[in-house]
């Protein structure tokens, strides 16, 4: 019965993967194999204790990044679900920021075992820019659900944990966060960043909410959405209506001017103005592009800052 339930619940997330792959890779304009040096540099300067652990899920080992807060009190834990880019430098840096705010953060590499010689995201990246996206699409829904439950069980039992577990996911991970909330009613909160709710429509057909899945949610769901994110935004009204009918707490907020992936884009360095050879002016097309990029960056940064404040305020009340 449990296996069947997980299969139904996560089937929608599996159907969503192909569309997410197409949308997210193009929308961000970023190759999944490009290192995010700015995030890596920030993490390197962190004074907080961090470590990699292997979380057991049956015969599987889920390589997970854990960061601990500097506190003498037991802390709430947050499971961080990565983007379609897998375990990136930014995901690790964001986990450190959560620890800085006072929470135990654990970010599982859900591509563990999918790479060469049983490796994960970093090994897949050596195979080229498309390998990570392909591996994401090949993940089995039942495996994802079991991996996340194993990670939540692990972090909830750490000596410094108070037993409370929340989940936050981004992009592909936002959709997985919504699905995980249907699988683990004991979660204290689910933070969905630009992800969609589970659906039960056949792939390629119009989006249809899986109300049977949503009915199993036990935690409040908080949505963080971008104004310029057509595909995800098109699901918000239907999700709001379904959650209201089911009497499930759901609070979506859409950030003006922001684009998909604003939590990462809003932390990245700002665009650099074009330069020209001595005695000449920058190319007009380059200047126009810079102006658009700068406007988008400012909107993403504001959205990121506002969303971060909201996230921390909610976590503080759990």
Protein backbone atom coordinates (compact mmCIF):
# COMPACT_ATOMS: atom_id res chain seq x y z
CA UNK A 1 0.00 0.00 0.00
CA UNK A 2 2.76 2.47 0.94
CA UNK A 3 4.73 1.78 -2.24
CA UNK A 4 1.61 2.29 -4.32
CA UNK A 5 0.85 5.55 -2.55
CA UNK A 6 4.36 6.89 -3.08
CA UNK A 7 4.19 5.91 -6.72
CA UNK A 8 0.96 7.81 -7.26
CA UNK A 9 2.13 10.84 -5.33
CA UNK A 10 5.46 11.19 -7.07
CA UNK A 11 4.34 10.23 -10.56
CA UNK A 12 3.34 13.84 -11.11
CA UNK A 13 6.81 14.99 -10.18
CA UNK A 14 8.27 12.49 -12.63
CA UNK A 15 5.99 13.80 -15.39
CA UNK A 16 7.14 17.32 -14.52
CA UNK A 17 10.83 16.56 -14.99
CA UNK A 18 10.94 16.75 -18.75
CA UNK A 19 9.23 20.11 -18.87
CA UNK A 20 11.37 21.46 -16.05
CA UNK A 21 14.51 20.34 -17.83
CA UNK A 22 13.59 22.21 -20.97
CA UNK A 23 12.45 25.33 -19.19
CA UNK A 24 15.04 25.72 -16.47
CA UNK A 25 18.14 25.16 -18.54
CA UNK A 26 17.12 27.83 -21.03
CA UNK A 27 15.53 30.26 -18.59
CA UNK A 28 18.60 30.61 -16.41
CA UNK A 29 21.05 30.87 -19.27
CA UNK A 30 23.54 28.93 -17.21
CA UNK A 31 25.37 25.73 -18.05
CA UNK A 32 25.00 23.20 -15.23
CA UNK A 33 28.72 22.41 -15.36
CA UNK A 34 29.92 26.02 -14.83
CA UNK A 35 31.33 26.44 -11.29
CA UNK A 36 29.70 29.13 -9.20
CA UNK A 37 32.97 30.49 -7.85
CA UNK A 38 31.29 33.33 -5.99
CA UNK A 39 29.26 30.84 -3.96
CA UNK A 40 32.27 28.62 -3.39
CA UNK A 41 34.30 31.62 -2.16
CA UNK A 42 31.61 32.64 0.32
CA UNK A 43 31.35 29.12 1.67
CA UNK A 44 35.11 28.89 2.09
CA UNK A 45 35.00 31.92 4.40
CA UNK A 46 32.27 30.48 6.62
CA UNK A 47 33.25 29.73 10.24
CA UNK A 48 30.49 27.12 10.61
CA UNK A 49 31.13 23.39 10.82
CA UNK A 50 30.13 21.54 7.67
CA UNK A 51 30.59 17.97 6.57
CA UNK A 52 29.57 15.38 4.03
CA UNK A 53 27.69 12.36 5.32
CA UNK A 54 26.38 9.24 3.61
CA UNK A 55 22.74 8.67 4.54
CA UNK A 56 21.60 5.06 4.22
CA UNK A 57 18.46 4.29 2.24
CA UNK A 58 18.38 0.51 2.02
CA UNK A 59 21.26 -0.43 -0.26
CA UNK A 60 21.71 3.17 -1.36
CA UNK A 61 23.92 5.85 0.14
CA UNK A 62 22.78 9.42 -0.35
CA UNK A 63 25.74 11.79 -0.20
CA UNK A 64 24.50 14.76 1.85
CA UNK A 65 25.99 18.11 2.81
CA UNK A 66 25.33 19.17 6.41
CA UNK A 67 26.00 22.58 8.00
CA UNK A 68 25.54 23.23 11.72
CA UNK A 69 24.57 26.51 13.38
CA UNK A 70 26.77 28.10 16.01
CA UNK A 71 24.44 27.66 18.97
CA UNK A 72 24.19 25.78 22.27
CA UNK A 73 20.48 25.07 21.77
CA UNK A 74 18.89 22.23 19.84
CA UNK A 75 17.88 23.45 16.39
CA UNK A 76 15.20 22.85 13.78
CA UNK A 77 16.48 21.11 10.65
CA UNK A 78 15.86 22.13 7.05
CA UNK A 79 16.17 19.65 4.18
CA UNK A 80 17.35 21.57 1.12
CA UNK A 81 16.33 20.12 -2.27
CA UNK A 82 18.60 21.23 -5.09
CA UNK A 83 17.71 22.65 -8.50
CA UNK A 84 17.77 20.69 -11.72
CA UNK A 85 21.51 21.47 -11.76
CA UNK A 86 22.09 19.00 -8.94
CA UNK A 87 24.40 19.57 -5.99
CA UNK A 88 25.87 22.93 -6.93
CA UNK A 89 28.17 25.30 -5.08
CA UNK A 90 25.20 27.61 -4.60
CA UNK A 91 23.12 24.92 -2.88
CA UNK A 92 25.96 24.39 -0.41
CA UNK A 93 26.35 28.13 0.13
CA UNK A 94 22.61 28.52 0.72
CA UNK A 95 22.73 25.67 3.25
CA UNK A 96 25.45 27.59 5.08
CA UNK A 97 23.23 30.68 5.14
CA UNK A 98 20.46 28.64 6.75
CA UNK A 99 22.93 27.47 9.40
CA UNK A 100 24.01 31.07 9.94
CA UNK A 101 20.35 31.85 10.64
CA UNK A 102 20.30 29.15 13.35
CA UNK A 103 19.17 25.96 11.62
CA UNK A 104 20.75 22.61 10.82
CA UNK A 105 20.76 22.43 7.02
CA UNK A 106 21.11 19.18 5.11
CA UNK A 107 21.27 19.13 1.31
CA UNK A 108 21.18 15.65 -0.23
CA UNK A 109 22.73 15.04 -3.64
CA UNK A 110 19.75 13.23 -5.12
CA UNK A 111 21.95 12.20 -8.04
CA UNK A 112 24.07 10.06 -5.70
CA UNK A 113 24.94 6.84 -7.48
CA UNK A 114 23.87 8.16 -10.89
CA UNK A 115 27.34 9.24 -12.00
CA UNK A 116 30.39 7.36 -13.27
CA UNK A 117 31.61 4.71 -10.82
CA UNK A 118 28.64 5.35 -8.55
CA UNK A 119 29.34 9.06 -8.09
CA UNK A 120 26.89 11.94 -8.05
CA UNK A 121 26.55 15.46 -9.45
CA UNK A 122 30.26 16.30 -9.57
CA UNK A 123 31.08 13.13 -11.47
CA UNK A 124 28.20 13.62 -13.89
CA UNK A 125 29.44 17.13 -14.62
CA UNK A 126 32.64 15.67 -16.09
CA UNK A 127 30.54 13.97 -18.78
CA UNK A 128 29.31 17.24 -20.29
CA UNK A 129 26.64 19.90 -19.87
CA UNK A 130 23.64 17.64 -20.53
CA UNK A 131 24.56 14.69 -18.31
CA UNK A 132 23.05 16.15 -15.13
CA UNK A 133 19.73 16.98 -16.76
CA UNK A 134 19.53 13.52 -18.31
CA UNK A 135 20.24 11.89 -14.95
CA UNK A 136 17.55 14.02 -13.26
CA UNK A 137 14.96 12.75 -15.75
CA UNK A 138 15.98 9.16 -15.06
CA UNK A 139 15.42 9.38 -11.31
CA UNK A 140 12.70 7.03 -10.10
CA UNK A 141 9.90 8.69 -8.10
CA UNK A 142 9.96 5.98 -5.42
CA UNK A 143 13.70 6.45 -4.99
CA UNK A 144 13.32 10.21 -4.57
CA UNK A 145 10.64 9.79 -1.92
CA UNK A 146 12.65 7.18 -0.03
CA UNK A 147 15.89 9.19 -0.24
CA UNK A 148 14.24 12.30 1.15
CA UNK A 149 12.54 10.40 3.96
CA UNK A 150 15.86 8.79 4.89
CA UNK A 151 17.56 12.20 4.95
CA UNK A 152 14.77 13.72 7.07
CA UNK A 153 14.95 10.79 9.49
CA UNK A 154 18.71 11.15 9.75
CA UNK A 155 18.80 14.89 10.41
CA UNK A 156 15.90 14.76 12.89
CA UNK A 157 17.89 12.39 15.11
CA UNK A 158 21.18 14.31 15.22
CA UNK A 159 22.26 15.21 18.76
CA UNK A 160 21.89 18.94 18.05
CA UNK A 161 18.44 18.61 16.45
CA UNK A 162 15.16 19.34 18.21
CA UNK A 163 13.26 16.84 16.06
CA UNK A 164 11.47 19.44 13.93
CA UNK A 165 12.08 19.16 10.17
CA UNK A 166 11.12 21.57 7.39
CA UNK A 167 11.93 21.34 3.69
CA UNK A 168 12.90 23.98 1.14
CA UNK A 169 13.42 23.29 -2.56
CA UNK A 170 14.23 25.33 -5.62
CA UNK A 171 13.21 24.97 -9.27
CA UNK A 172 12.95 21.20 -9.87
CA UNK A 173 13.54 20.94 -6.14
CA UNK A 174 10.53 23.19 -5.55
CA UNK A 175 8.26 20.66 -7.24
CA UNK A 176 9.95 17.86 -5.29
CA UNK A 177 9.33 19.83 -2.08
CA UNK A 178 5.59 19.95 -2.79
CA UNK A 179 5.62 16.20 -3.52
CA UNK A 180 7.63 15.47 -0.37
CA UNK A 181 5.06 17.34 1.72
CA UNK A 182 2.46 14.83 0.49
CA UNK A 183 4.73 11.95 1.50
CA UNK A 184 5.74 13.19 4.96
CA UNK A 185 2.83 14.78 6.87
CA UNK A 186 5.06 15.29 9.94
CA UNK A 187 7.00 18.09 8.27
CA UNK A 188 6.67 21.39 10.08
CA UNK A 189 6.67 23.47 6.88
CA UNK A 190 7.32 23.18 3.16
CA UNK A 191 8.90 26.08 1.28
CA UNK A 192 8.28 25.77 -2.46
CA UNK A 193 10.47 28.07 -4.55
CA UNK A 194 9.16 28.34 -8.13
CA UNK A 195 7.94 24.75 -8.25
CA UNK A 196 4.55 23.22 -9.07
CA UNK A 197 2.18 21.05 -7.05
CA UNK A 198 1.80 17.33 -7.86
CA UNK A 199 -0.34 16.69 -10.92
CA UNK A 200 -2.06 13.58 -12.22
CA UNK A 201 -2.56 14.46 -15.88
CA UNK A 202 -0.89 12.38 -18.60
CA UNK A 203 2.36 13.90 -19.84
CA UNK A 204 1.70 16.45 -22.55
CA UNK A 205 -1.88 17.10 -21.39
CA UNK A 206 -3.26 20.12 -19.56
CA UNK A 207 -2.09 20.54 -15.98
CA UNK A 208 -4.41 18.90 -13.43
CA UNK A 209 -3.87 19.02 -9.67
CA UNK A 210 -3.57 15.67 -7.89
CA UNK A 211 -6.01 16.41 -5.07
CA UNK A 212 -5.66 12.93 -3.59
CA UNK A 213 -1.96 13.64 -3.09
CA UNK A 214 -2.54 17.11 -1.65
CA UNK A 215 -5.04 15.66 0.81
CA UNK A 216 -2.16 13.90 2.57
CA UNK A 217 -0.26 17.12 3.31
CA UNK A 218 0.11 17.83 7.02
CA UNK A 219 2.35 20.90 6.93
CA UNK A 220 1.66 24.45 5.81
CA UNK A 221 3.02 25.10 2.31
CA UNK A 222 4.60 28.45 1.50
CA UNK A 223 5.05 29.37 -2.16
CA UNK A 224 7.73 31.71 -3.51
CA UNK A 225 7.11 32.61 -7.16
CA UNK A 226 8.50 34.93 -9.82
CA UNK A 227 6.35 37.32 -11.84
CA UNK A 228 8.24 36.44 -15.02
CA UNK A 229 7.84 32.66 -14.86
CA UNK A 230 4.91 31.83 -17.13
CA UNK A 231 4.83 28.06 -16.86
CA UNK A 232 4.98 27.84 -13.05
CA UNK A 233 2.73 30.85 -12.53
CA UNK A 234 0.05 29.17 -14.63
CA UNK A 235 -0.30 26.51 -11.91
CA UNK A 236 -0.75 28.83 -8.92
CA UNK A 237 -4.49 29.54 -9.21
CA UNK A 238 -5.38 25.84 -9.57
CA UNK A 239 -3.11 24.99 -6.63
CA UNK A 240 -4.63 27.73 -4.49
CA UNK A 241 -8.15 26.53 -5.24
CA UNK A 242 -7.32 22.87 -4.57
CA UNK A 243 -5.58 23.61 -1.28
CA UNK A 244 -8.50 25.81 -0.19
CA UNK A 245 -11.02 23.05 -1.00
CA UNK A 246 -8.95 20.61 1.03
CA UNK A 247 -8.54 23.08 3.90
CA UNK A 248 -4.74 22.91 3.61
CA UNK A 249 -2.63 25.97 4.52
CA UNK A 250 -1.05 27.40 1.37
CA UNK A 251 0.41 30.90 1.13
CA UNK A 252 1.79 31.84 -2.30
CA UNK A 253 3.69 35.09 -2.83
CA UNK A 254 4.74 36.32 -6.27
CA UNK A 255 7.72 38.71 -6.48
CA UNK A 256 7.44 41.56 -8.95
CA UNK A 257 9.89 41.67 -11.85
CA UNK A 258 11.69 38.49 -10.75
CA UNK A 259 12.47 35.56 -13.00
CA UNK A 260 12.67 31.82 -12.43
CA UNK A 261 15.67 31.02 -10.24
CA UNK A 262 15.73 34.40 -8.51
CA UNK A 263 17.09 33.01 -5.24
CA UNK A 264 20.35 32.09 -6.97
CA UNK A 265 20.34 34.89 -9.56
CA UNK A 266 19.75 37.46 -6.83
CA UNK A 267 22.87 36.33 -4.96
CA UNK A 268 25.19 36.15 -7.96
CA UNK A 269 27.45 39.11 -8.83
CA UNK A 270 25.77 41.89 -10.84
CA UNK A 271 26.28 42.07 -14.62
CA UNK A 272 29.39 43.88 -15.81
CA UNK A 273 29.01 46.92 -18.03
CA UNK A 274 30.47 46.47 -21.53
CA UNK A 275 33.70 48.22 -22.37
CA UNK A 276 35.18 49.35 -25.66
CA UNK A 277 38.58 50.04 -27.09
CA UNK A 278 40.17 53.40 -26.23
CA UNK A 279 38.59 56.23 -28.17
CA UNK A 280 35.38 54.40 -29.04
CA UNK A 281 32.04 53.75 -27.41
CA UNK A 282 30.63 50.39 -26.33
CA UNK A 283 28.46 48.66 -28.90
CA UNK A 284 24.85 49.84 -28.68
CA UNK A 285 23.43 46.34 -28.70
CA UNK A 286 25.79 45.40 -25.88
CA UNK A 287 24.69 48.40 -23.86
CA UNK A 288 21.02 47.58 -24.39
CA UNK A 289 21.63 44.01 -23.27
CA UNK A 290 23.50 45.26 -20.22
CA UNK A 291 20.58 47.55 -19.34
CA UNK A 292 18.12 44.65 -19.52
CA UNK A 293 20.44 42.38 -17.56
CA UNK A 294 20.91 45.02 -14.86
CA UNK A 295 17.16 45.59 -14.53
CA UNK A 296 16.56 41.86 -14.22
CA UNK A 297 19.38 41.52 -11.69
CA UNK A 298 17.96 44.28 -9.47
CA UNK A 299 14.51 42.69 -9.54
CA UNK A 300 15.94 39.25 -8.73
CA UNK A 301 18.05 40.64 -5.92
CA UNK A 302 15.09 42.41 -4.34
CA UNK A 303 12.97 39.27 -4.68
CA UNK A 304 15.73 37.17 -3.16
CA UNK A 305 16.19 39.54 -0.22
CA UNK A 306 12.44 39.76 0.44
CA UNK A 307 11.97 35.99 0.11
CA UNK A 308 14.90 35.31 2.41
CA UNK A 309 13.43 37.57 5.09
CA UNK A 310 10.07 35.82 4.73
CA UNK A 311 11.64 32.37 4.94
CA UNK A 312 13.56 33.22 8.11
CA UNK A 313 10.53 34.82 9.74
CA UNK A 314 8.43 31.70 9.15
CA UNK A 315 11.19 29.36 10.32
CA UNK A 316 11.56 31.35 13.53
CA UNK A 317 7.92 30.59 14.41
CA UNK A 318 8.10 26.80 13.92
